[in-house]
Amino acid sequence: MDDDSSQLLRPSLTDILYVIFLRIVALSCLWFGLTYWGMLVGYSDGGFGRFDLLSLPWRAAATSLAVIFPVAALGLWLASSWGPVIWTIAAGLQLAMFVVWTQTFGDHRIVVISHILVAAVYVTFRAAIWFQGRQRAEPYKI
């Protein structure tokens, strides 16, 4: 192989940092999923968050998030294209819970802020990777 083709195959620092970022977000998604499962089975919150003791909105939200977050974690860990999509669904549901329906679900600002920060960093990475791809595709001008 010549020098140009080996440069195209070698991941850039941005690509490596992007995968590390995705894996950190995957670990947080796994934590969220385990937290919801622990709540639903009565392991956490002193047993007061058990499925049979929750209100109907909490049952629907907690059950959905207990399934969606581990799936998002898998997709993000594998750096697949569907991982961020599933994370967006889960984060959107939590944002709706804690921003739109605060009377029902409470006000968890740290969750809201963390999802907004993760989304901003994700968009920044995707833009950097896109610009980098355009730069690699352009022929060098002297």
C-alpha atoms as a PDB file:
ATOM      1  CA  MET A   1       0.000   0.000   0.000  1.00  0.00           C
ATOM      2  CA  ASP A   2       1.139   3.503  -0.665  1.00  0.00           C
ATOM      3  CA  ASP A   3       1.143   6.367   1.823  1.00  0.00           C
ATOM      4  CA  ASP A   4      -2.205   7.843   0.733  1.00  0.00           C
ATOM      5  CA  SER A   5      -4.222   4.663   1.181  1.00  0.00           C
ATOM      6  CA  SER A   6      -2.720   3.917   4.591  1.00  0.00           C
ATOM      7  CA  GLN A   7      -3.700   7.446   5.722  1.00  0.00           C
ATOM      8  CA  LEU A   8      -7.305   6.775   4.721  1.00  0.00           C
ATOM      9  CA  LEU A   9      -7.439   3.550   6.738  1.00  0.00           C
ATOM     10  CA  ARG A  10      -5.851   4.943   9.880  1.00  0.00           C
ATOM     11  CA  PRO A  11      -8.386   6.433  12.340  1.00  0.00           C
ATOM     12  CA  SER A  12      -7.790  10.032  13.298  1.00  0.00           C
ATOM     13  CA  LEU A  13      -7.560  11.358  16.831  1.00  0.00           C
ATOM     14  CA  THR A  14     -11.097  12.716  16.431  1.00  0.00           C
ATOM     15  CA  ASP A  15     -12.365   9.246  15.519  1.00  0.00           C
ATOM     16  CA  ILE A  16     -10.664   7.681  18.527  1.00  0.00           C
ATOM     17  CA  LEU A  17     -11.971  10.344  20.923  1.00  0.00           C
ATOM     18  CA  TYR A  18     -15.448   9.945  19.428  1.00  0.00           C
ATOM     19  CA  VAL A  19     -15.499   6.212  20.176  1.00  0.00           C
ATOM     20  CA  ILE A  20     -14.249   6.866  23.731  1.00  0.00           C
ATOM     21  CA  PHE A  21     -17.020   9.451  24.150  1.00  0.00           C
ATOM     22  CA  LEU A  22     -19.627   6.968  22.876  1.00  0.00           C
ATOM     23  CA  ARG A  23     -18.414   4.350  25.333  1.00  0.00           C
ATOM     24  CA  ILE A  24     -18.597   6.769  28.263  1.00  0.00           C
ATOM     25  CA  VAL A  25     -22.163   7.625  27.286  1.00  0.00           C
ATOM     26  CA  ALA A  26     -22.860   3.883  26.926  1.00  0.00           C
ATOM     27  CA  LEU A  27     -21.743   3.295  30.500  1.00  0.00           C
ATOM     28  CA  SER A  28     -24.022   6.068  31.726  1.00  0.00           C
ATOM     29  CA  CYS A  29     -26.916   4.561  29.743  1.00  0.00           C
ATOM     30  CA  LEU A  30     -26.243   1.195  31.323  1.00  0.00           C
ATOM     31  CA  TRP A  31     -26.261   2.882  34.742  1.00  0.00           C
ATOM     32  CA  PHE A  32     -29.598   4.591  33.974  1.00  0.00           C
ATOM     33  CA  GLY A  33     -31.071   1.284  32.797  1.00  0.00           C
ATOM     34  CA  LEU A  34     -29.893  -0.591  35.887  1.00  0.00           C
ATOM     35  CA  THR A  35     -31.229   2.210  38.084  1.00  0.00           C
ATOM     36  CA  TYR A  36     -34.674   1.917  36.539  1.00  0.00           C
ATOM     37  CA  TRP A  37     -34.618  -1.878  36.800  1.00  0.00           C
ATOM     38  CA  GLY A  38     -33.543  -1.616  40.440  1.00  0.00           C
ATOM     39  CA  MET A  39     -36.391   0.778  41.122  1.00  0.00           C
ATOM     40  CA  LEU A  40     -38.991  -1.377  39.372  1.00  0.00           C
ATOM     41  CA  VAL A  41     -38.091  -4.585  41.190  1.00  0.00           C
ATOM     42  CA  GLY A  42     -37.915  -2.859  44.575  1.00  0.00           C
ATOM     43  CA  TYR A  43     -34.161  -3.055  45.040  1.00  0.00           C
ATOM     44  CA  SER A  44     -33.639   0.713  45.355  1.00  0.00           C
ATOM     45  CA  ASP A  45     -35.612   3.587  46.878  1.00  0.00           C
ATOM     46  CA  GLY A  46     -36.450   1.466  49.896  1.00  0.00           C
ATOM     47  CA  GLY A  47     -38.851  -0.603  47.808  1.00  0.00           C
ATOM     48  CA  PHE A  48     -41.181   2.362  47.250  1.00  0.00           C
ATOM     49  CA  GLY A  49     -40.440   2.451  43.523  1.00  0.00           C
ATOM     50  CA  ARG A  50     -41.699  -1.057  42.872  1.00  0.00           C
ATOM     51  CA  PHE A  51     -43.764  -1.445  39.740  1.00  0.00           C
ATOM     52  CA  ASP A  52     -46.966  -2.302  41.621  1.00  0.00           C
ATOM     53  CA  LEU A  53     -46.642   0.810  43.817  1.00  0.00           C
ATOM     54  CA  LEU A  54     -46.025   3.323  41.013  1.00  0.00           C
ATOM     55  CA  SER A  55     -48.586   5.609  39.434  1.00  0.00           C
ATOM     56  CA  LEU A  56     -49.591   4.898  35.835  1.00  0.00           C
ATOM     57  CA  PRO A  57     -47.334   7.586  34.277  1.00  0.00           C
ATOM     58  CA  TRP A  58     -44.332   6.346  36.257  1.00  0.00           C
ATOM     59  CA  ARG A  59     -45.080   2.735  35.298  1.00  0.00           C
ATOM     60  CA  ALA A  60     -45.102   3.593  31.599  1.00  0.00           C
ATOM     61  CA  ALA A  61     -42.005   5.807  31.729  1.00  0.00           C
ATOM     62  CA  ALA A  62     -39.858   3.664  34.034  1.00  0.00           C
ATOM     63  CA  THR A  63     -40.655   0.435  32.195  1.00  0.00           C
ATOM     64  CA  SER A  64     -39.872   2.003  28.821  1.00  0.00           C
ATOM     65  CA  LEU A  65     -36.616   3.515  30.034  1.00  0.00           C
ATOM     66  CA  ALA A  66     -35.563   0.288  31.765  1.00  0.00           C
ATOM     67  CA  VAL A  67     -35.644  -1.364  28.336  1.00  0.00           C
ATOM     68  CA  ILE A  68     -34.487   1.504  26.099  1.00  0.00           C
ATOM     69  CA  PHE A  69     -31.388   2.575  28.059  1.00  0.00           C
ATOM     70  CA  PRO A  70     -29.605  -0.830  27.996  1.00  0.00           C
ATOM     71  CA  VAL A  71     -30.349  -1.139  24.264  1.00  0.00           C
ATOM     72  CA  ALA A  72     -28.907   2.348  23.724  1.00  0.00           C
ATOM     73  CA  ALA A  73     -25.875   1.360  25.795  1.00  0.00           C
ATOM     74  CA  LEU A  74     -25.237  -1.622  23.536  1.00  0.00           C
ATOM     75  CA  GLY A  75     -25.537   0.456  20.378  1.00  0.00           C
ATOM     76  CA  LEU A  76     -23.274   3.184  21.722  1.00  0.00           C
ATOM     77  CA  TRP A  77     -20.658   0.721  22.990  1.00  0.00           C
ATOM     78  CA  LEU A  78     -20.479  -0.902  19.567  1.00  0.00           C
ATOM     79  CA  ALA A  79     -20.317   2.572  17.956  1.00  0.00           C
ATOM     80  CA  SER A  80     -23.104   1.560  15.604  1.00  0.00           C
ATOM     81  CA  SER A  81     -25.248   4.069  13.775  1.00  0.00           C
ATOM     82  CA  TRP A  82     -28.428   3.124  15.654  1.00  0.00           C
ATOM     83  CA  GLY A  83     -26.926   3.644  19.128  1.00  0.00           C
ATOM     84  CA  PRO A  84     -27.210   7.449  19.134  1.00  0.00           C
ATOM     85  CA  VAL A  85     -30.731   7.168  17.691  1.00  0.00           C
ATOM     86  CA  ILE A  86     -31.899   4.971  20.567  1.00  0.00           C
ATOM     87  CA  TRP A  87     -30.101   7.254  23.047  1.00  0.00           C
ATOM     88  CA  THR A  88     -31.949  10.234  21.536  1.00  0.00           C
ATOM     89  CA  ILE A  89     -35.271   8.481  22.107  1.00  0.00           C
ATOM     90  CA  ALA A  90     -34.389   7.669  25.724  1.00  0.00           C
ATOM     91  CA  ALA A  91     -32.984  11.133  26.441  1.00  0.00           C
ATOM     92  CA  GLY A  92     -35.985  12.752  24.766  1.00  0.00           C
ATOM     93  CA  LEU A  93     -38.323  10.743  26.966  1.00  0.00           C
ATOM     94  CA  GLN A  94     -36.427  11.755  30.086  1.00  0.00           C
ATOM     95  CA  LEU A  95     -36.334  15.392  28.969  1.00  0.00           C
ATOM     96  CA  ALA A  96     -40.095  15.298  28.441  1.00  0.00           C
ATOM     97  CA  MET A  97     -40.543  13.729  31.874  1.00  0.00           C
ATOM     98  CA  PHE A  98     -38.404  16.217  33.753  1.00  0.00           C
ATOM     99  CA  VAL A  99     -39.066  19.390  31.744  1.00  0.00           C
ATOM    100  CA  VAL A 100     -42.609  19.122  30.382  1.00  0.00           C
ATOM    101  CA  TRP A 101     -44.301  16.999  33.041  1.00  0.00           C
ATOM    102  CA  THR A 102     -42.489  18.175  36.170  1.00  0.00           C
ATOM    103  CA  GLN A 103     -45.686  17.974  38.243  1.00  0.00           C
ATOM    104  CA  THR A 104     -45.825  14.224  37.663  1.00  0.00           C
ATOM    105  CA  PHE A 105     -42.159  13.224  37.513  1.00  0.00           C
ATOM    106  CA  GLY A 106     -40.371  15.925  39.493  1.00  0.00           C
ATOM    107  CA  ASP A 107     -37.557  18.261  38.607  1.00  0.00           C
ATOM    108  CA  HIS A 108     -34.226  16.537  37.935  1.00  0.00           C
ATOM    109  CA  ARG A 109     -32.086  19.321  36.519  1.00  0.00           C
ATOM    110  CA  ILE A 110     -28.851  17.318  36.575  1.00  0.00           C
ATOM    111  CA  VAL A 111     -30.365  14.733  34.215  1.00  0.00           C
ATOM    112  CA  VAL A 112     -31.662  17.471  31.908  1.00  0.00           C
ATOM    113  CA  ILE A 113     -28.309  19.291  31.885  1.00  0.00           C
ATOM    114  CA  SER A 114     -26.347  16.089  31.310  1.00  0.00           C
ATOM    115  CA  HIS A 115     -28.486  15.099  28.322  1.00  0.00           C
ATOM    116  CA  ILE A 116     -28.135  18.569  26.791  1.00  0.00           C
ATOM    117  CA  LEU A 117     -24.351  18.478  27.275  1.00  0.00           C
ATOM    118  CA  VAL A 118     -24.059  15.001  25.768  1.00  0.00           C
ATOM    119  CA  ALA A 119     -26.129  16.093  22.766  1.00  0.00           C
ATOM    120  CA  ALA A 120     -23.951  19.188  22.289  1.00  0.00           C
ATOM    121  CA  VAL A 121     -20.722  17.171  22.470  1.00  0.00           C
ATOM    122  CA  TYR A 122     -22.167  14.584  20.076  1.00  0.00           C
ATOM    123  CA  VAL A 123     -23.108  17.251  17.520  1.00  0.00           C
ATOM    124  CA  THR A 124     -19.640  18.781  17.867  1.00  0.00           C
ATOM    125  CA  PHE A 125     -17.964  15.420  17.235  1.00  0.00           C
ATOM    126  CA  ARG A 126     -20.155  14.660  14.233  1.00  0.00           C
ATOM    127  CA  ALA A 127     -19.436  18.100  12.743  1.00  0.00           C
ATOM    128  CA  ALA A 128     -15.690  17.644  13.291  1.00  0.00           C
ATOM    129  CA  ILE A 129     -15.768  14.200  11.673  1.00  0.00           C
ATOM    130  CA  TRP A 130     -17.771  15.559   8.734  1.00  0.00           C
ATOM    131  CA  PHE A 131     -15.342  18.451   8.200  1.00  0.00           C
ATOM    132  CA  GLN A 132     -12.417  16.076   8.500  1.00  0.00           C
ATOM    133  CA  GLY A 133     -13.940  13.780   5.881  1.00  0.00           C
ATOM    134  CA  ARG A 134     -14.434  16.680   3.496  1.00  0.00           C
ATOM    135  CA  GLN A 135     -10.840  17.774   4.046  1.00  0.00           C
ATOM    136  CA  ARG A 136      -9.546  14.274   3.276  1.00  0.00           C
ATOM    137  CA  ALA A 137     -11.683  14.038   0.141  1.00  0.00           C
ATOM    138  CA  GLU A 138     -10.448  17.325  -1.340  1.00  0.00           C
ATOM    139  CA  PRO A 139      -7.342  17.164  -3.460  1.00  0.00           C
ATOM    140  CA  TYR A 140      -4.432  19.049  -2.028  1.00  0.00           C
ATOM    141  CA  LYS A 141      -3.987  22.500  -3.498  1.00  0.00           C
ATOM    142  CA  ILE A 142      -0.552  24.010  -3.770  1.00  0.00           C
END
